[in-house]
């Protein structure tokens, strides 16, 4: 059964697409072997702040060197909200 046309001969709306912005993800284990921490944030800035705190608290770093910060930035990935269900 096909949808009935609305006034003016047009079909009613049959699909709604809602696009959410991709989130940012970093698996610390991609940088620090053996670490199972995964950080997911709505922006890269938020993710980098969380990663800085994680590095200091969980890995004992008093300062996050620029080389490590660069490695972290290269390891950040986009992730769609639907991909976070695992």
Protein backbone atom coordinates (compact mmCIF):
# COMPACT_ATOMS: atom_id res chain seq x y z
CA UNK A 1 0.00 0.00 0.00
CA UNK A 2 1.52 3.30 -1.03
CA UNK A 3 1.13 6.47 1.02
CA UNK A 4 -1.77 8.71 0.11
CA UNK A 5 -0.80 12.02 -1.46
CA UNK A 6 -1.35 15.09 0.66
CA UNK A 7 -2.93 18.28 -0.57
CA UNK A 8 -1.13 19.54 -3.63
CA UNK A 9 -0.35 16.04 -4.88
CA UNK A 10 2.84 15.58 -2.85
CA UNK A 11 3.58 12.49 -0.81
CA UNK A 12 3.94 12.91 2.96
CA UNK A 13 7.41 12.98 4.45
CA UNK A 14 8.67 9.41 4.55
CA UNK A 15 12.13 9.82 6.02
CA UNK A 16 13.71 12.03 8.63
CA UNK A 17 17.46 12.19 8.91
CA UNK A 18 18.97 13.58 12.07
CA UNK A 19 22.68 14.04 11.91
CA UNK A 20 24.69 14.18 15.10
CA UNK A 21 28.16 15.53 15.20
CA UNK A 22 30.83 12.88 15.44
CA UNK A 23 32.47 12.53 18.80
CA UNK A 24 36.20 12.17 19.37
CA UNK A 25 37.80 9.02 20.79
CA UNK A 26 41.23 8.01 22.00
CA UNK A 27 42.34 4.61 23.22
CA UNK A 28 45.30 5.27 25.49
CA UNK A 29 46.63 1.78 24.73
CA UNK A 30 47.43 3.01 21.21
CA UNK A 31 50.11 5.16 22.86
CA UNK A 32 50.88 3.56 26.24
CA UNK A 33 51.11 -0.22 25.83
CA UNK A 34 48.84 -2.07 28.23
CA UNK A 35 46.61 0.87 29.18
CA UNK A 36 42.93 0.03 28.66
CA UNK A 37 41.56 3.54 29.16
CA UNK A 38 39.31 4.86 26.41
CA UNK A 39 38.39 8.52 26.42
CA UNK A 40 35.38 9.73 24.44
CA UNK A 41 34.43 13.38 24.30
CA UNK A 42 32.24 15.71 22.30
CA UNK A 43 35.20 17.81 21.15
CA UNK A 44 38.91 17.38 20.65
CA UNK A 45 39.63 20.09 23.23
CA UNK A 46 37.57 18.24 25.84
CA UNK A 47 39.28 14.96 24.95
CA UNK A 48 42.76 16.50 25.23
CA UNK A 49 41.95 17.94 28.67
CA UNK A 50 40.72 14.52 29.85
CA UNK A 51 43.80 12.83 28.39
CA UNK A 52 46.07 15.33 30.16
CA UNK A 53 44.39 14.49 33.48
CA UNK A 54 44.60 10.75 32.76
CA UNK A 55 48.32 10.99 31.93
CA UNK A 56 49.04 12.84 35.17
CA UNK A 57 46.82 10.79 37.50
CA UNK A 58 47.08 7.27 36.07
CA UNK A 59 50.54 7.34 34.49
CA UNK A 60 52.27 9.62 37.00
CA UNK A 61 53.38 12.25 34.51
CA UNK A 62 54.00 15.66 36.04
CA UNK A 63 54.24 17.25 32.61
CA UNK A 64 52.95 15.99 29.27
CA UNK A 65 55.80 16.61 26.79
CA UNK A 66 55.03 18.14 23.38
CA UNK A 67 56.11 14.92 21.62
CA UNK A 68 53.51 12.95 23.60
CA UNK A 69 50.88 15.62 22.95
CA UNK A 70 51.56 15.32 19.21
CA UNK A 71 51.28 11.54 19.38
CA UNK A 72 47.98 11.89 21.24
CA UNK A 73 46.59 14.30 18.60
CA UNK A 74 47.53 11.89 15.80
CA UNK A 75 45.76 9.02 17.59
CA UNK A 76 42.42 10.80 18.09
CA UNK A 77 39.63 9.36 15.93
CA UNK A 78 36.09 10.37 15.02
CA UNK A 79 33.42 8.05 16.32
CA UNK A 80 29.71 8.14 15.59
CA UNK A 81 27.40 7.91 18.63
CA UNK A 82 25.97 4.62 17.28
CA UNK A 83 29.49 3.13 17.34
CA UNK A 84 29.72 3.62 21.13
CA UNK A 85 27.30 0.82 21.98
CA UNK A 86 29.98 -1.89 22.29
